[in-house]
Amino acid sequence: MADGQPNVTDVVSRVLDAADDARDLRQYIRLTGTPVQRARAIRVELDALDKVMNTLGISNTDMGETVEQTTALVRAILAHVITDESAAALIDRIAAIPGLEDLARAFKQQRHAR
């Protein structure tokens, strides 16, 4: 960092930004583009995601373990949300995190369904 060269954090951040931009492009083209443009946008996003996975050293095994752990965590939180009256604040906190709005909504539905 002291010599002005990009460090690992900078590179990873830029790769993730590129993947996000590729996703945004694909979503935009899905609504406005031709089938050929959609295919190209999908390819661009897949290439960006492949770069992310290679840069971060993510393997299929890593992904499987992450999914298993995430599923277990969500189940534990759901059990807490359903059984503990004080969990409403936790749901609100989850809802405030970008990208977790749907999860919070599902928790609220489960809570009210009991």
C-alpha atoms as a PDB file:
ATOM      1  CA  MET A   1       0.000   0.000   0.000  1.00  0.00           C
ATOM      2  CA  ALA A   2       2.824   2.364   0.829  1.00  0.00           C
ATOM      3  CA  ASP A   3       4.272   2.159  -2.691  1.00  0.00           C
ATOM      4  CA  GLY A   4       0.920   2.905  -4.325  1.00  0.00           C
ATOM      5  CA  GLN A   5       0.510  -0.553  -5.842  1.00  0.00           C
ATOM      6  CA  PRO A   6      -2.859  -2.290  -5.648  1.00  0.00           C
ATOM      7  CA  ASN A   7      -3.147  -4.656  -2.730  1.00  0.00           C
ATOM      8  CA  VAL A   8      -5.231  -7.820  -2.422  1.00  0.00           C
ATOM      9  CA  THR A   9      -8.134  -5.972  -0.836  1.00  0.00           C
ATOM     10  CA  ASP A  10      -8.240  -3.474  -3.704  1.00  0.00           C
ATOM     11  CA  VAL A  11      -8.142  -6.208  -6.321  1.00  0.00           C
ATOM     12  CA  VAL A  12     -10.850  -8.280  -4.641  1.00  0.00           C
ATOM     13  CA  SER A  13     -13.015  -5.194  -4.219  1.00  0.00           C
ATOM     14  CA  ARG A  14     -12.642  -4.320  -7.896  1.00  0.00           C
ATOM     15  CA  VAL A  15     -13.422  -7.876  -9.007  1.00  0.00           C
ATOM     16  CA  LEU A  16     -16.557  -7.895  -6.847  1.00  0.00           C
ATOM     17  CA  ASP A  17     -17.586  -4.499  -8.254  1.00  0.00           C
ATOM     18  CA  ALA A  18     -17.144  -5.849 -11.778  1.00  0.00           C
ATOM     19  CA  ALA A  19     -19.323  -8.854 -10.933  1.00  0.00           C
ATOM     20  CA  ASP A  20     -21.995  -6.551  -9.514  1.00  0.00           C
ATOM     21  CA  ASP A  21     -21.878  -4.412 -12.664  1.00  0.00           C
ATOM     22  CA  ALA A  22     -22.169  -7.537 -14.818  1.00  0.00           C
ATOM     23  CA  ARG A  23     -25.256  -8.595 -12.821  1.00  0.00           C
ATOM     24  CA  ASP A  24     -26.791  -5.141 -13.254  1.00  0.00           C
ATOM     25  CA  LEU A  25     -26.103  -5.273 -16.989  1.00  0.00           C
ATOM     26  CA  ARG A  26     -27.700  -8.716 -17.292  1.00  0.00           C
ATOM     27  CA  GLN A  27     -30.799  -7.556 -15.422  1.00  0.00           C
ATOM     28  CA  TYR A  28     -31.106  -4.446 -17.588  1.00  0.00           C
ATOM     29  CA  ILE A  29     -30.610  -6.389 -20.828  1.00  0.00           C
ATOM     30  CA  ARG A  30     -33.151  -8.996 -19.687  1.00  0.00           C
ATOM     31  CA  LEU A  31     -35.778  -6.250 -19.727  1.00  0.00           C
ATOM     32  CA  THR A  32     -34.664  -4.290 -22.783  1.00  0.00           C
ATOM     33  CA  GLY A  33     -32.391  -6.414 -24.951  1.00  0.00           C
ATOM     34  CA  THR A  34     -32.582  -8.918 -27.731  1.00  0.00           C
ATOM     35  CA  PRO A  35     -31.958 -12.638 -27.159  1.00  0.00           C
ATOM     36  CA  VAL A  36     -28.407 -12.238 -28.488  1.00  0.00           C
ATOM     37  CA  GLN A  37     -27.730  -9.344 -26.107  1.00  0.00           C
ATOM     38  CA  ARG A  38     -29.135 -11.407 -23.235  1.00  0.00           C
ATOM     39  CA  ALA A  39     -26.850 -14.311 -24.096  1.00  0.00           C
ATOM     40  CA  ARG A  40     -23.849 -11.989 -24.185  1.00  0.00           C
ATOM     41  CA  ALA A  41     -24.807 -10.379 -20.867  1.00  0.00           C
ATOM     42  CA  ILE A  42     -25.139 -13.815 -19.277  1.00  0.00           C
ATOM     43  CA  ARG A  43     -21.692 -14.759 -20.593  1.00  0.00           C
ATOM     44  CA  VAL A  44     -20.189 -11.533 -19.225  1.00  0.00           C
ATOM     45  CA  GLU A  45     -21.700 -12.203 -15.801  1.00  0.00           C
ATOM     46  CA  LEU A  46     -20.561 -15.826 -15.772  1.00  0.00           C
ATOM     47  CA  ASP A  47     -17.041 -14.744 -16.694  1.00  0.00           C
ATOM     48  CA  ALA A  48     -17.073 -12.157 -13.902  1.00  0.00           C
ATOM     49  CA  LEU A  49     -18.347 -14.706 -11.370  1.00  0.00           C
ATOM     50  CA  ASP A  50     -15.709 -17.191 -12.505  1.00  0.00           C
ATOM     51  CA  LYS A  51     -13.068 -14.507 -11.908  1.00  0.00           C
ATOM     52  CA  VAL A  52     -14.509 -13.865  -8.430  1.00  0.00           C
ATOM     53  CA  MET A  53     -14.417 -17.554  -7.595  1.00  0.00           C
ATOM     54  CA  ASN A  54     -10.852 -17.920  -8.858  1.00  0.00           C
ATOM     55  CA  THR A  55      -9.651 -14.736  -7.157  1.00  0.00           C
ATOM     56  CA  LEU A  56     -11.176 -15.715  -3.838  1.00  0.00           C
ATOM     57  CA  GLY A  57     -10.252 -19.383  -4.185  1.00  0.00           C
ATOM     58  CA  ILE A  58     -13.834 -20.580  -3.910  1.00  0.00           C
ATOM     59  CA  SER A  59     -14.427 -24.195  -4.895  1.00  0.00           C
ATOM     60  CA  ASN A  60     -17.618 -26.197  -5.261  1.00  0.00           C
ATOM     61  CA  THR A  61     -16.790 -27.862  -1.945  1.00  0.00           C
ATOM     62  CA  ASP A  62     -16.491 -24.459  -0.273  1.00  0.00           C
ATOM     63  CA  MET A  63     -19.828 -23.405  -1.705  1.00  0.00           C
ATOM     64  CA  GLY A  64     -21.523 -26.580  -0.485  1.00  0.00           C
ATOM     65  CA  GLU A  65     -20.170 -26.102   3.020  1.00  0.00           C
ATOM     66  CA  THR A  66     -21.210 -22.451   3.012  1.00  0.00           C
ATOM     67  CA  VAL A  67     -24.738 -23.348   1.891  1.00  0.00           C
ATOM     68  CA  GLU A  68     -25.017 -26.008   4.608  1.00  0.00           C
ATOM     69  CA  GLN A  69     -23.814 -23.619   7.292  1.00  0.00           C
ATOM     70  CA  THR A  70     -26.056 -20.819   6.054  1.00  0.00           C
ATOM     71  CA  THR A  71     -29.070 -23.128   5.998  1.00  0.00           C
ATOM     72  CA  ALA A  72     -28.384 -24.238   9.572  1.00  0.00           C
ATOM     73  CA  LEU A  73     -27.988 -20.617  10.672  1.00  0.00           C
ATOM     74  CA  VAL A  74     -31.259 -19.567   9.021  1.00  0.00           C
ATOM     75  CA  ARG A  75     -33.077 -22.488  10.676  1.00  0.00           C
ATOM     76  CA  ALA A  76     -31.685 -21.502  14.089  1.00  0.00           C
ATOM     77  CA  ILE A  77     -32.735 -17.881  13.603  1.00  0.00           C
ATOM     78  CA  LEU A  78     -36.179 -18.987  12.411  1.00  0.00           C
ATOM     79  CA  ALA A  79     -36.639 -21.140  15.530  1.00  0.00           C
ATOM     80  CA  HIS A  80     -35.691 -18.138  17.661  1.00  0.00           C
ATOM     81  CA  VAL A  81     -37.969 -15.776  15.754  1.00  0.00           C
ATOM     82  CA  ILE A  82     -40.948 -18.105  16.101  1.00  0.00           C
ATOM     83  CA  THR A  83     -40.514 -18.888  19.795  1.00  0.00           C
ATOM     84  CA  ASP A  84     -39.181 -15.675  21.316  1.00  0.00           C
ATOM     85  CA  GLU A  85     -41.463 -12.653  21.612  1.00  0.00           C
ATOM     86  CA  SER A  86     -38.483 -10.302  21.778  1.00  0.00           C
ATOM     87  CA  ALA A  87     -37.309 -11.378  18.306  1.00  0.00           C
ATOM     88  CA  ALA A  88     -39.221  -8.630  16.490  1.00  0.00           C
ATOM     89  CA  ALA A  89     -36.214  -6.330  16.867  1.00  0.00           C
ATOM     90  CA  LEU A  90     -34.002  -8.979  15.277  1.00  0.00           C
ATOM     91  CA  ILE A  91     -36.326  -9.200  12.285  1.00  0.00           C
ATOM     92  CA  ASP A  92     -36.247  -5.409  11.917  1.00  0.00           C
ATOM     93  CA  ARG A  93     -32.439  -5.438  12.055  1.00  0.00           C
ATOM     94  CA  ILE A  94     -32.289  -8.157   9.375  1.00  0.00           C
ATOM     95  CA  ALA A  95     -34.750  -6.190   7.203  1.00  0.00           C
ATOM     96  CA  ALA A  96     -32.443  -3.161   7.349  1.00  0.00           C
ATOM     97  CA  ILE A  97     -29.573  -5.086   5.735  1.00  0.00           C
ATOM     98  CA  PRO A  98     -29.539  -4.677   1.952  1.00  0.00           C
ATOM     99  CA  GLY A  99     -30.271  -7.998   0.281  1.00  0.00           C
ATOM    100  CA  LEU A 100     -31.928  -9.586   3.326  1.00  0.00           C
ATOM    101  CA  GLU A 101     -35.332  -7.930   2.985  1.00  0.00           C
ATOM    102  CA  ASP A 102     -36.931 -11.119   1.598  1.00  0.00           C
ATOM    103  CA  LEU A 103     -35.507 -13.178   4.462  1.00  0.00           C
ATOM    104  CA  ALA A 104     -36.929 -10.731   7.017  1.00  0.00           C
ATOM    105  CA  ARG A 105     -40.302 -10.826   5.259  1.00  0.00           C
ATOM    106  CA  ALA A 106     -40.284 -14.647   5.385  1.00  0.00           C
ATOM    107  CA  PHE A 107     -39.426 -14.547   9.095  1.00  0.00           C
ATOM    108  CA  LYS A 108     -42.331 -12.166   9.727  1.00  0.00           C
ATOM    109  CA  GLN A 109     -44.718 -14.456   7.840  1.00  0.00           C
ATOM    110  CA  GLN A 110     -43.568 -17.471   9.828  1.00  0.00           C
ATOM    111  CA  ARG A 111     -43.880 -15.543  13.070  1.00  0.00           C
ATOM    112  CA  HIS A 112     -47.436 -14.443  12.309  1.00  0.00           C
ATOM    113  CA  ALA A 113     -48.432 -17.901  11.059  1.00  0.00           C
ATOM    114  CA  ARG A 114     -47.776 -19.584  14.395  1.00  0.00           C
END
